[in-house]
Protein backbone atom coordinates (compact mmCIF):
# COMPACT_ATOMS: atom_id res chain seq x y z
CA MET A 1 -5.19 -23.73 19.37
CA ASN A 2 -3.81 -26.64 17.37
CA ASN A 3 -4.76 -25.04 14.05
CA VAL A 4 -2.63 -22.10 12.94
CA ASN A 5 -4.53 -21.44 9.68
CA PRO A 6 -6.41 -18.39 11.07
CA ILE A 7 -3.10 -16.69 11.91
CA PHE A 8 -1.16 -17.96 8.87
CA ASN A 9 0.30 -14.53 7.89
CA ILE A 10 1.35 -13.41 11.37
CA GLU A 11 4.94 -12.19 11.84
CA LYS A 12 5.18 -11.67 15.62
CA ILE A 13 3.80 -13.63 18.57
CA GLU A 14 4.16 -12.86 22.27
CA LEU A 15 2.68 -15.24 24.83
CA THR A 16 3.03 -14.23 28.46
CA ASP A 17 1.49 -15.28 31.77
CA CYS A 18 -0.02 -18.46 30.34
CA LEU A 19 0.40 -20.06 33.75
CA GLU A 20 -1.63 -23.22 33.04
CA CYS A 21 -0.35 -23.82 29.49
CA GLU A 22 1.49 -27.14 29.19
CA THR A 23 1.84 -27.37 25.40
CA LEU A 24 2.23 -24.89 22.58
CA PRO A 25 0.52 -24.54 19.21
CA PRO A 26 2.46 -25.60 16.07
CA PHE A 27 4.13 -22.21 15.60
CA GLY A 28 6.75 -23.81 13.34
CA GLN A 29 4.06 -24.03 10.66
CA LEU A 30 3.75 -20.24 10.41
CA PRO A 31 5.75 -19.38 7.29
CA TYR A 32 6.06 -15.63 8.00
CA LEU A 33 6.78 -15.74 11.74
CA LYS A 34 9.87 -13.61 12.45
CA SER A 35 9.62 -13.01 16.20
CA LEU A 36 8.47 -15.34 18.97
CA THR A 37 8.43 -14.47 22.67
CA LEU A 38 7.36 -16.99 25.29
CA SER A 39 7.25 -15.80 28.88
CA LYS A 40 5.95 -17.01 32.25
CA MET A 41 4.58 -20.35 31.11
CA LEU A 42 5.33 -22.20 34.31
CA LYS A 43 3.95 -25.64 33.33
CA ALA A 44 5.47 -26.07 29.85
CA LYS A 45 8.04 -28.87 30.15
CA TRP A 46 9.00 -29.17 26.48
CA LEU A 47 8.27 -27.70 23.12
CA GLU A 48 6.42 -30.61 21.55
CA SER A 49 7.35 -31.92 18.13
CA LYS A 50 4.16 -30.43 16.67
CA PHE A 51 5.41 -27.02 17.85
CA ASN A 52 8.08 -27.24 15.17
CA GLY A 53 5.88 -28.06 12.22
CA ASN A 54 5.29 -31.21 10.23
CA ASP A 55 6.44 -32.95 7.06
CA LYS A 56 4.76 -30.40 4.75
CA TYR A 57 6.63 -27.39 6.15
CA HIS A 58 10.18 -26.41 6.89
CA ALA A 59 9.81 -25.38 10.53
CA PHE A 60 10.34 -21.71 11.37
CA PRO A 61 11.51 -20.69 7.89
CA LEU A 62 11.86 -16.96 8.73
CA LEU A 63 12.20 -16.85 12.53
CA GLU A 64 14.84 -14.27 13.46
CA LEU A 65 14.13 -13.50 17.14
CA LEU A 66 13.38 -16.09 19.80
CA HIS A 67 13.02 -14.99 23.42
CA ILE A 68 12.13 -17.53 26.11
CA THR A 69 11.76 -16.20 29.65
CA LYS A 70 10.65 -17.86 32.87
CA LEU A 71 9.67 -21.22 31.44
CA LYS A 72 10.87 -22.67 34.71
CA ALA A 73 9.70 -26.24 33.98
CA LEU A 74 11.14 -26.33 30.44
CA GLU A 75 13.40 -29.37 30.17
CA ASP A 76 13.83 -29.96 26.46
CA TRP A 77 13.06 -28.46 23.07
CA PHE A 78 11.21 -31.55 21.88
CA GLU A 79 9.06 -34.25 23.35
CA ALA A 80 10.81 -37.63 23.27
CA GLY A 81 13.91 -36.21 21.60
CA VAL A 82 12.35 -35.34 18.23
CA ALA A 83 14.89 -33.45 16.11
CA ALA A 84 14.74 -31.40 12.94
CA GLU A 85 15.53 -33.40 9.79
CA ASP A 86 18.62 -31.45 8.77
CA GLY A 87 19.83 -30.89 12.32
CA CYS A 88 19.25 -27.11 12.42
CA LEU A 89 15.87 -25.87 13.51
CA PHE A 90 16.23 -22.09 13.28
CA HIS A 91 18.00 -21.31 10.00
CA CYS A 92 17.34 -17.54 10.02
CA LEU A 93 17.79 -16.94 13.75
CA ILE A 94 19.82 -13.83 14.58
CA GLN A 95 18.89 -13.44 18.25
CA LEU A 96 18.25 -16.07 20.91
CA ARG A 97 17.58 -15.07 24.52
CA LEU A 98 16.98 -17.62 27.24
CA HIS A 99 16.31 -16.32 30.72
CA ASN A 100 15.42 -18.29 33.82
CA CYS A 101 14.90 -21.67 32.15
CA LEU A 102 16.73 -23.50 34.91
CA LYS A 103 15.72 -27.05 33.97
CA LEU A 104 16.64 -26.80 30.28
CA LYS A 105 19.08 -29.63 29.59
CA GLU A 106 20.35 -28.88 26.08
CA PHE A 107 19.92 -26.66 23.04
CA PRO A 108 18.83 -27.61 19.55
CA SER A 109 21.31 -27.23 16.71
CA LEU A 110 21.63 -23.53 16.07
CA PRO A 111 22.92 -21.61 13.06
CA SER A 112 26.72 -21.57 12.95
CA LYS A 113 26.67 -17.76 12.80
CA LEU A 114 24.26 -16.65 15.52
CA PRO A 115 24.97 -12.93 16.06
CA SER A 116 23.27 -12.63 19.45
CA PHE A 117 22.91 -15.34 22.10
CA LEU A 118 22.08 -14.49 25.71
CA LEU A 119 21.71 -17.12 28.41
CA SER A 120 20.95 -15.94 31.91
CA SER A 121 19.40 -17.30 35.06
CA ARG A 122 18.32 -15.93 38.37
CA PRO A 123 16.73 -17.88 41.21
């Protein structure tokens, strides 16, 4: 699913129990996406640069809710340290929840006023 054109107008995505999934589609190219939940993707080590979009699009222009749960292998937001051009990836984010992402090393630049941020881990 490297082409997001068929789901261009989608506002909410929930992926769960994708146990063999190692990479993610370029969700950052979805201009109307407001809510993204990723759960139980045990082999995903990073959110690849293509996940965030490309030069034609401002990545995640309307994303408000981002929930990442049990991505136990997740180490980084981007493959090979790719960063957003202006330093902030999620401009409209109002809620970020990270649960049981024990290998995650760092966070991307987040909005300066993020109303809700929950970080939790359980073995």
